[in-house]
Amino acid sequence: MGVLFSKPDDTFQQVQFEVQIQRDELVKTEKKYTLEITNYGNKAKELNRVGDRENALRVLKLRKIRQRQLTEVTNQRNNIEIQVCSSF
């Protein structure tokens, strides 16, 4: 009997690598958004303390938008991890 030589299947490793890159990018974005949310909160407190209520409210709106975006990014990361676990 002859020995079968076949090319190793790299699709699993390739998919794992691509998913890891996507996940890393989403984690970076999560960290960035979290820091921005904290900074927006601090800025709003500072503006409110000085009496600039109008700009404080604007900053709080920006913070709320960033919180929604953070939730979306977190959901994307979770979905990627779930897809990888279920596909292999």
PDB file of N, CA and C in Angstrom:
ATOM      1  N   MET A   1       0.839  -1.167   0.000  1.00  0.00           N
ATOM      2  CA  MET A   1       0.000   0.000   0.000  1.00  0.00           C
ATOM      3  C   MET A   1       0.886   1.232   0.000  1.00  0.00           C
ATOM      4  N   GLY A   2       0.475   2.181  -0.730  1.00  0.00           N
ATOM      5  CA  GLY A   2       1.224   3.429  -0.796  1.00  0.00           C
ATOM      6  C   GLY A   2       0.820   4.372   0.330  1.00  0.00           C
ATOM      7  N   VAL A   3       1.687   5.314   0.546  1.00  0.00           N
ATOM      8  CA  VAL A   3       1.421   6.315   1.574  1.00  0.00           C
ATOM      9  C   VAL A   3       0.707   7.496   0.919  1.00  0.00           C
ATOM     10  N   LEU A   4      -0.360   7.903   1.526  1.00  0.00           N
ATOM     11  CA  LEU A   4      -1.100   9.045   0.999  1.00  0.00           C
ATOM     12  C   LEU A   4      -0.464  10.338   1.493  1.00  0.00           C
ATOM     13  N   PHE A   5      -0.077  11.153   0.559  1.00  0.00           N
ATOM     14  CA  PHE A   5       0.446  12.465   0.916  1.00  0.00           C
ATOM     15  C   PHE A   5      -0.630  13.492   0.589  1.00  0.00           C
ATOM     16  N   SER A   6      -1.048  14.176   1.586  1.00  0.00           N
ATOM     17  CA  SER A   6      -2.056  15.205   1.335  1.00  0.00           C
ATOM     18  C   SER A   6      -1.596  16.519   1.949  1.00  0.00           C
ATOM     19  N   LYS A   7      -2.062  17.539   1.347  1.00  0.00           N
ATOM     20  CA  LYS A   7      -1.723  18.869   1.845  1.00  0.00           C
ATOM     21  C   LYS A   7      -2.480  19.089   3.157  1.00  0.00           C
ATOM     22  N   PRO A   8      -1.804  19.583   4.184  1.00  0.00           N
ATOM     23  CA  PRO A   8      -2.503  19.808   5.453  1.00  0.00           C
ATOM     24  C   PRO A   8      -3.593  20.878   5.297  1.00  0.00           C
ATOM     25  N   ASP A   9      -4.655  20.692   6.028  1.00  0.00           N
ATOM     26  CA  ASP A   9      -5.783  21.626   5.958  1.00  0.00           C
ATOM     27  C   ASP A   9      -5.509  22.827   6.853  1.00  0.00           C
ATOM     28  N   ASP A  10      -5.243  23.951   6.215  1.00  0.00           N
ATOM     29  CA  ASP A  10      -4.923  25.166   6.957  1.00  0.00           C
ATOM     30  C   ASP A  10      -6.140  26.062   7.159  1.00  0.00           C
ATOM     31  N   THR A  11      -7.299  25.625   6.687  1.00  0.00           N
ATOM     32  CA  THR A  11      -8.459  26.509   6.778  1.00  0.00           C
ATOM     33  C   THR A  11      -8.823  26.800   8.225  1.00  0.00           C
ATOM     34  N   PHE A  12      -8.727  25.792   9.086  1.00  0.00           N
ATOM     35  CA  PHE A  12      -9.061  26.000  10.496  1.00  0.00           C
ATOM     36  C   PHE A  12      -8.121  27.020  11.116  1.00  0.00           C
ATOM     37  N   GLN A  13      -6.816  26.842  10.863  1.00  0.00           N
ATOM     38  CA  GLN A  13      -5.837  27.779  11.417  1.00  0.00           C
ATOM     39  C   GLN A  13      -6.022  29.176  10.837  1.00  0.00           C
ATOM     40  N   GLN A  14      -6.329  29.262   9.554  1.00  0.00           N
ATOM     41  CA  GLN A  14      -6.533  30.563   8.916  1.00  0.00           C
ATOM     42  C   GLN A  14      -7.745  31.273   9.513  1.00  0.00           C
ATOM     43  N   VAL A  15      -8.826  30.533   9.690  1.00  0.00           N
ATOM     44  CA  VAL A  15     -10.035  31.119  10.274  1.00  0.00           C
ATOM     45  C   VAL A  15      -9.763  31.564  11.703  1.00  0.00           C
ATOM     46  N   GLN A  16      -9.056  30.732  12.455  1.00  0.00           N
ATOM     47  CA  GLN A  16      -8.709  31.095  13.832  1.00  0.00           C
ATOM     48  C   GLN A  16      -7.898  32.384  13.865  1.00  0.00           C
ATOM     49  N   PHE A  17      -6.940  32.499  12.977  1.00  0.00           N
ATOM     50  CA  PHE A  17      -6.084  33.682  12.912  1.00  0.00           C
ATOM     51  C   PHE A  17      -6.903  34.929  12.583  1.00  0.00           C
ATOM     52  N   GLU A  18      -7.768  34.825  11.575  1.00  0.00           N
ATOM     53  CA  GLU A  18      -8.592  35.964  11.174  1.00  0.00           C
ATOM     54  C   GLU A  18      -9.546  36.382  12.290  1.00  0.00           C
ATOM     55  N   VAL A  19     -10.124  35.409  12.964  1.00  0.00           N
ATOM     56  CA  VAL A  19     -11.040  35.709  14.065  1.00  0.00           C
ATOM     57  C   VAL A  19     -10.284  36.370  15.213  1.00  0.00           C
ATOM     58  N   GLN A  20      -9.080  35.897  15.473  1.00  0.00           N
ATOM     59  CA  GLN A  20      -8.273  36.493  16.543  1.00  0.00           C
ATOM     60  C   GLN A  20      -7.960  37.955  16.233  1.00  0.00           C
ATOM     61  N   ILE A  21      -7.665  38.250  14.971  1.00  0.00           N
ATOM     62  CA  ILE A  21      -7.392  39.638  14.568  1.00  0.00           C
ATOM     63  C   ILE A  21      -8.647  40.490  14.760  1.00  0.00           C
ATOM     64  N   GLN A  22      -9.793  39.987  14.311  1.00  0.00           N
ATOM     65  CA  GLN A  22     -11.052  40.731  14.480  1.00  0.00           C
ATOM     66  C   GLN A  22     -11.346  40.971  15.959  1.00  0.00           C
ATOM     67  N   ARG A  23     -11.153  39.932  16.753  1.00  0.00           N
ATOM     68  CA  ARG A  23     -11.420  40.032  18.190  1.00  0.00           C
ATOM     69  C   ARG A  23     -10.493  41.055  18.837  1.00  0.00           C
ATOM     70  N   ASP A  24      -9.214  41.024  18.480  1.00  0.00           N
ATOM     71  CA  ASP A  24      -8.254  41.976  19.042  1.00  0.00           C
ATOM     72  C   ASP A  24      -8.630  43.413  18.704  1.00  0.00           C
ATOM     73  N   GLU A  25      -9.072  43.634  17.464  1.00  0.00           N
ATOM     74  CA  GLU A  25      -9.487  44.984  17.061  1.00  0.00           C
ATOM     75  C   GLU A  25     -10.709  45.437  17.863  1.00  0.00           C
ATOM     76  N   LEU A  26     -11.645  44.529  18.070  1.00  0.00           N
ATOM     77  CA  LEU A  26     -12.835  44.882  18.843  1.00  0.00           C
ATOM     78  C   LEU A  26     -12.487  45.157  20.305  1.00  0.00           C
ATOM     79  N   VAL A  27     -11.544  44.406  20.854  1.00  0.00           N
ATOM     80  CA  VAL A  27     -11.116  44.642  22.236  1.00  0.00           C
ATOM     81  C   VAL A  27     -10.452  46.014  22.351  1.00  0.00           C
ATOM     82  N   LYS A  28      -9.622  46.373  21.363  1.00  0.00           N
ATOM     83  CA  LYS A  28      -8.997  47.703  21.362  1.00  0.00           C
ATOM     84  C   LYS A  28     -10.059  48.793  21.320  1.00  0.00           C
ATOM     85  N   THR A  29     -11.059  48.595  20.472  1.00  0.00           N
ATOM     86  CA  THR A  29     -12.137  49.576  20.353  1.00  0.00           C
ATOM     87  C   THR A  29     -12.914  49.678  21.664  1.00  0.00           C
ATOM     88  N   GLU A  30     -13.161  48.535  22.309  1.00  0.00           N
ATOM     89  CA  GLU A  30     -13.855  48.543  23.601  1.00  0.00           C
ATOM     90  C   GLU A  30     -13.085  49.353  24.638  1.00  0.00           C
ATOM     91  N   LYS A  31     -11.783  49.139  24.697  1.00  0.00           N
ATOM     92  CA  LYS A  31     -10.956  49.879  25.660  1.00  0.00           C
ATOM     93  C   LYS A  31     -10.981  51.374  25.364  1.00  0.00           C
ATOM     94  N   LYS A  32     -10.895  51.717  24.085  1.00  0.00           N
ATOM     95  CA  LYS A  32     -10.922  53.125  23.678  1.00  0.00           C
ATOM     96  C   LYS A  32     -12.248  53.769  24.072  1.00  0.00           C
ATOM     97  N   TYR A  33     -13.353  53.086  23.768  1.00  0.00           N
ATOM     98  CA  TYR A  33     -14.673  53.625  24.083  1.00  0.00           C
ATOM     99  C   TYR A  33     -14.865  53.758  25.595  1.00  0.00           C
ATOM    100  N   THR A  34     -14.400  52.775  26.357  1.00  0.00           N
ATOM    101  CA  THR A  34     -14.530  52.830  27.810  1.00  0.00           C
ATOM    102  C   THR A  34     -13.790  54.032  28.376  1.00  0.00           C
ATOM    103  N   LEU A  35     -12.590  54.269  27.880  1.00  0.00           N
ATOM    104  CA  LEU A  35     -11.816  55.429  28.325  1.00  0.00           C
ATOM    105  C   LEU A  35     -12.527  56.727  27.958  1.00  0.00           C
ATOM    106  N   GLU A  36     -13.066  56.798  26.745  1.00  0.00           N
ATOM    107  CA  GLU A  36     -13.777  58.002  26.311  1.00  0.00           C
ATOM    108  C   GLU A  36     -15.029  58.239  27.154  1.00  0.00           C
ATOM    109  N   ILE A  37     -15.735  57.177  27.507  1.00  0.00           N
ATOM    110  CA  ILE A  37     -16.930  57.308  28.347  1.00  0.00           C
ATOM    111  C   ILE A  37     -16.553  57.898  29.701  1.00  0.00           C
ATOM    112  N   THR A  38     -15.472  57.399  30.278  1.00  0.00           N
ATOM    113  CA  THR A  38     -14.993  57.929  31.556  1.00  0.00           C
ATOM    114  C   THR A  38     -14.611  59.397  31.424  1.00  0.00           C
ATOM    115  N   ASN A  39     -13.889  59.721  30.356  1.00  0.00           N
ATOM    116  CA  ASN A  39     -13.470  61.110  30.148  1.00  0.00           C
ATOM    117  C   ASN A  39     -14.663  62.039  29.939  1.00  0.00           C
ATOM    118  N   TYR A  40     -15.665  61.569  29.182  1.00  0.00           N
ATOM    119  CA  TYR A  40     -16.869  62.377  28.976  1.00  0.00           C
ATOM    120  C   TYR A  40     -17.576  62.637  30.308  1.00  0.00           C
ATOM    121  N   GLY A  41     -17.650  61.617  31.144  1.00  0.00           N
ATOM    122  CA  GLY A  41     -18.286  61.787  32.454  1.00  0.00           C
ATOM    123  C   GLY A  41     -17.560  62.812  33.302  1.00  0.00           C
ATOM    124  N   ASN A  42     -16.232  62.720  33.319  1.00  0.00           N
ATOM    125  CA  ASN A  42     -15.434  63.676  34.091  1.00  0.00           C
ATOM    126  C   ASN A  42     -15.583  65.089  33.548  1.00  0.00           C
ATOM    127  N   LYS A  43     -15.583  65.215  32.228  1.00  0.00           N
ATOM    128  CA  LYS A  43     -15.716  66.530  31.596  1.00  0.00           C
ATOM    129  C   LYS A  43     -17.082  67.135  31.915  1.00  0.00           C
ATOM    130  N   ALA A  44     -18.127  66.316  31.880  1.00  0.00           N
ATOM    131  CA  ALA A  44     -19.474  66.810  32.185  1.00  0.00           C
ATOM    132  C   ALA A  44     -19.554  67.287  33.633  1.00  0.00           C
ATOM    133  N   LYS A  45     -18.951  66.539  34.547  1.00  0.00           N
ATOM    134  CA  LYS A  45     -18.938  66.957  35.956  1.00  0.00           C
ATOM    135  C   LYS A  45     -18.220  68.289  36.106  1.00  0.00           C
ATOM    136  N   GLU A  46     -17.087  68.405  35.431  1.00  0.00           N
ATOM    137  CA  GLU A  46     -16.305  69.640  35.509  1.00  0.00           C
ATOM    138  C   GLU A  46     -17.096  70.826  34.957  1.00  0.00           C
ATOM    139  N   LEU A  47     -17.730  70.638  33.803  1.00  0.00           N
ATOM    140  CA  LEU A  47     -18.515  71.720  33.202  1.00  0.00           C
ATOM    141  C   LEU A  47     -19.698  72.104  34.090  1.00  0.00           C
ATOM    142  N   ASN A  48     -20.343  71.123  34.676  1.00  0.00           N
ATOM    143  CA  ASN A  48     -21.485  71.393  35.544  1.00  0.00           C
ATOM    144  C   ASN A  48     -21.039  72.137  36.803  1.00  0.00           C
ATOM    145  N   ARG A  49     -19.879  71.772  37.312  1.00  0.00           N
ATOM    146  CA  ARG A  49     -19.338  72.417  38.504  1.00  0.00           C
ATOM    147  C   ARG A  49     -19.064  73.899  38.252  1.00  0.00           C
ATOM    148  N   VAL A  50     -18.596  74.211  37.032  1.00  0.00           N
ATOM    149  CA  VAL A  50     -18.268  75.592  36.688  1.00  0.00           C
ATOM    150  C   VAL A  50     -19.529  76.386  36.334  1.00  0.00           C
ATOM    151  N   GLY A  51     -20.636  75.696  36.128  1.00  0.00           N
ATOM    152  CA  GLY A  51     -21.888  76.380  35.832  1.00  0.00           C
ATOM    153  C   GLY A  51     -22.287  76.336  34.369  1.00  0.00           C
ATOM    154  N   ASP A  52     -21.537  75.608  33.545  1.00  0.00           N
ATOM    155  CA  ASP A  52     -21.847  75.516  32.113  1.00  0.00           C
ATOM    156  C   ASP A  52     -22.724  74.285  31.870  1.00  0.00           C
ATOM    157  N   ARG A  53     -23.958  74.393  32.324  1.00  0.00           N
ATOM    158  CA  ARG A  53     -24.879  73.249  32.272  1.00  0.00           C
ATOM    159  C   ARG A  53     -25.189  72.820  30.836  1.00  0.00           C
ATOM    160  N   GLU A  54     -25.305  73.767  29.936  1.00  0.00           N
ATOM    161  CA  GLU A  54     -25.653  73.451  28.547  1.00  0.00           C
ATOM    162  C   GLU A  54     -24.596  72.551  27.899  1.00  0.00           C
ATOM    163  N   ASN A  55     -23.337  72.920  28.037  1.00  0.00           N
ATOM    164  CA  ASN A  55     -22.270  72.087  27.465  1.00  0.00           C
ATOM    165  C   ASN A  55     -22.117  70.773  28.220  1.00  0.00           C
ATOM    166  N   ALA A  56     -22.402  70.774  29.510  1.00  0.00           N
ATOM    167  CA  ALA A  56     -22.353  69.531  30.280  1.00  0.00           C
ATOM    168  C   ALA A  56     -23.374  68.534  29.729  1.00  0.00           C
ATOM    169  N   LEU A  57     -24.563  69.032  29.400  1.00  0.00           N
ATOM    170  CA  LEU A  57     -25.592  68.153  28.830  1.00  0.00           C
ATOM    171  C   LEU A  57     -25.178  67.635  27.453  1.00  0.00           C
ATOM    172  N   ARG A  58     -24.516  68.468  26.673  1.00  0.00           N
ATOM    173  CA  ARG A  58     -24.023  68.019  25.355  1.00  0.00           C
ATOM    174  C   ARG A  58     -23.000  66.896  25.508  1.00  0.00           C
ATOM    175  N   VAL A  59     -22.106  67.074  26.462  1.00  0.00           N
ATOM    176  CA  VAL A  59     -21.082  66.050  26.695  1.00  0.00           C
ATOM    177  C   VAL A  59     -21.736  64.757  27.175  1.00  0.00           C
ATOM    178  N   LEU A  60     -22.767  64.874  28.001  1.00  0.00           N
ATOM    179  CA  LEU A  60     -23.471  63.673  28.463  1.00  0.00           C
ATOM    180  C   LEU A  60     -24.168  62.955  27.308  1.00  0.00           C
ATOM    181  N   LYS A  61     -24.666  63.708  26.331  1.00  0.00           N
ATOM    182  CA  LYS A  61     -25.267  63.082  25.142  1.00  0.00           C
ATOM    183  C   LYS A  61     -24.210  62.320  24.351  1.00  0.00           C
ATOM    184  N   LEU A  62     -23.026  62.925  24.223  1.00  0.00           N
ATOM    185  CA  LEU A  62     -21.927  62.230  23.543  1.00  0.00           C
ATOM    186  C   LEU A  62     -21.565  60.947  24.290  1.00  0.00           C
ATOM    187  N   ARG A  63     -21.568  61.028  25.607  1.00  0.00           N
ATOM    188  CA  ARG A  63     -21.250  59.861  26.437  1.00  0.00           C
ATOM    189  C   ARG A  63     -22.278  58.751  26.207  1.00  0.00           C
ATOM    190  N   LYS A  64     -23.547  59.133  26.134  1.00  0.00           N
ATOM    191  CA  LYS A  64     -24.609  58.144  25.919  1.00  0.00           C
ATOM    192  C   LYS A  64     -24.460  57.475  24.548  1.00  0.00           C
ATOM    193  N   ILE A  65     -24.114  58.264  23.533  1.00  0.00           N
ATOM    194  CA  ILE A  65     -23.887  57.712  22.192  1.00  0.00           C
ATOM    195  C   ILE A  65     -22.739  56.713  22.225  1.00  0.00           C
ATOM    196  N   ARG A  66     -21.651  57.092  22.895  1.00  0.00           N
ATOM    197  CA  ARG A  66     -20.478  56.218  22.976  1.00  0.00           C
ATOM    198  C   ARG A  66     -20.813  54.942  23.745  1.00  0.00           C
ATOM    199  N   GLN A  67     -21.678  55.031  24.754  1.00  0.00           N
ATOM    200  CA  GLN A  67     -22.085  53.837  25.501  1.00  0.00           C
ATOM    201  C   GLN A  67     -22.860  52.875  24.603  1.00  0.00           C
ATOM    202  N   ARG A  68     -23.722  53.423  23.745  1.00  0.00           N
ATOM    203  CA  ARG A  68     -24.453  52.568  22.796  1.00  0.00           C
ATOM    204  C   ARG A  68     -23.486  51.885  21.835  1.00  0.00           C
ATOM    205  N   GLN A  69     -22.504  52.656  21.356  1.00  0.00           N
ATOM    206  CA  GLN A  69     -21.518  52.085  20.438  1.00  0.00           C
ATOM    207  C   GLN A  69     -20.700  50.996  21.129  1.00  0.00           C
ATOM    208  N   LEU A  70     -20.377  51.210  22.397  1.00  0.00           N
ATOM    209  CA  LEU A  70     -19.638  50.204  23.160  1.00  0.00           C
ATOM    210  C   LEU A  70     -20.456  48.922  23.281  1.00  0.00           C
ATOM    211  N   THR A  71     -21.734  49.059  23.522  1.00  0.00           N
ATOM    212  CA  THR A  71     -22.607  47.885  23.614  1.00  0.00           C
ATOM    213  C   THR A  71     -22.619  47.116  22.295  1.00  0.00           C
ATOM    214  N   GLU A  72     -22.693  47.837  21.183  1.00  0.00           N
ATOM    215  CA  GLU A  72     -22.685  47.191  19.868  1.00  0.00           C
ATOM    216  C   GLU A  72     -21.374  46.447  19.618  1.00  0.00           C
ATOM    217  N   VAL A  73     -20.260  47.074  19.962  1.00  0.00           N
ATOM    218  CA  VAL A  73     -18.952  46.445  19.757  1.00  0.00           C
ATOM    219  C   VAL A  73     -18.828  45.205  20.635  1.00  0.00           C
ATOM    220  N   THR A  74     -19.286  45.295  21.869  1.00  0.00           N
ATOM    221  CA  THR A  74     -19.239  44.142  22.771  1.00  0.00           C
ATOM    222  C   THR A  74     -20.087  42.999  22.221  1.00  0.00           C
ATOM    223  N   ASN A  75     -21.257  43.320  21.698  1.00  0.00           N
ATOM    224  CA  ASN A  75     -22.115  42.289  21.099  1.00  0.00           C
ATOM    225  C   ASN A  75     -21.451  41.654  19.878  1.00  0.00           C
ATOM    226  N   GLN A  76     -20.788  42.456  19.053  1.00  0.00           N
ATOM    227  CA  GLN A  76     -20.076  41.919  17.883  1.00  0.00           C
ATOM    228  C   GLN A  76     -18.994  40.940  18.323  1.00  0.00           C
ATOM    229  N   ARG A  77     -18.228  41.331  19.345  1.00  0.00           N
ATOM    230  CA  ARG A  77     -17.156  40.461  19.833  1.00  0.00           C
ATOM    231  C   ARG A  77     -17.734  39.154  20.367  1.00  0.00           C
ATOM    232  N   ASN A  78     -18.808  39.241  21.129  1.00  0.00           N
ATOM    233  CA  ASN A  78     -19.439  38.035  21.664  1.00  0.00           C
ATOM    234  C   ASN A  78     -19.964  37.137  20.545  1.00  0.00           C
ATOM    235  N   ASN A  79     -20.556  37.734  19.508  1.00  0.00           N
ATOM    236  CA  ASN A  79     -21.069  36.951  18.382  1.00  0.00           C
ATOM    237  C   ASN A  79     -19.948  36.239  17.639  1.00  0.00           C
ATOM    238  N   ILE A  80     -18.827  36.916  17.465  1.00  0.00           N
ATOM    239  CA  ILE A  80     -17.685  36.291  16.794  1.00  0.00           C
ATOM    240  C   ILE A  80     -17.214  35.083  17.592  1.00  0.00           C
ATOM    241  N   GLU A  81     -17.111  35.237  18.901  1.00  0.00           N
ATOM    242  CA  GLU A  81     -16.649  34.131  19.739  1.00  0.00           C
ATOM    243  C   GLU A  81     -17.639  32.972  19.724  1.00  0.00           C
ATOM    244  N   ILE A  82     -18.924  33.277  19.704  1.00  0.00           N
ATOM    245  CA  ILE A  82     -19.942  32.225  19.663  1.00  0.00           C
ATOM    246  C   ILE A  82     -19.889  31.482  18.331  1.00  0.00           C
ATOM    247  N   GLN A  83     -19.735  32.212  17.226  1.00  0.00           N
ATOM    248  CA  GLN A  83     -19.670  31.588  15.904  1.00  0.00           C
ATOM    249  C   GLN A  83     -18.476  30.651  15.796  1.00  0.00           C
ATOM    250  N   VAL A  84     -17.348  31.078  16.333  1.00  0.00           N
ATOM    251  CA  VAL A  84     -16.150  30.240  16.262  1.00  0.00           C
ATOM    252  C   VAL A  84     -16.351  28.973  17.070  1.00  0.00           C
ATOM    253  N   CYS A  85     -16.915  29.099  18.251  1.00  0.00           N
ATOM    254  CA  CYS A  85     -17.129  27.925  19.096  1.00  0.00           C
ATOM    255  C   CYS A  85     -18.120  26.952  18.461  1.00  0.00           C
ATOM    256  N   SER A  86     -19.140  27.473  17.810  1.00  0.00           N
ATOM    257  CA  SER A  86     -20.160  26.593  17.248  1.00  0.00           C
ATOM    258  C   SER A  86     -19.756  25.998  15.898  1.00  0.00           C
ATOM    259  N   SER A  87     -18.848  26.667  15.177  1.00  0.00           N
ATOM    260  CA  SER A  87     -18.490  26.166  13.848  1.00  0.00           C
ATOM    261  C   SER A  87     -17.433  25.070  13.896  1.00  0.00           C
ATOM    262  N   PHE A  88     -16.707  24.997  14.974  1.00  0.00           N
ATOM    263  CA  PHE A  88     -15.656  23.974  15.033  1.00  0.00           C
ATOM    264  C   PHE A  88     -15.928  23.037  16.120  1.00  0.00           C
TER     265      PHE A  88
END
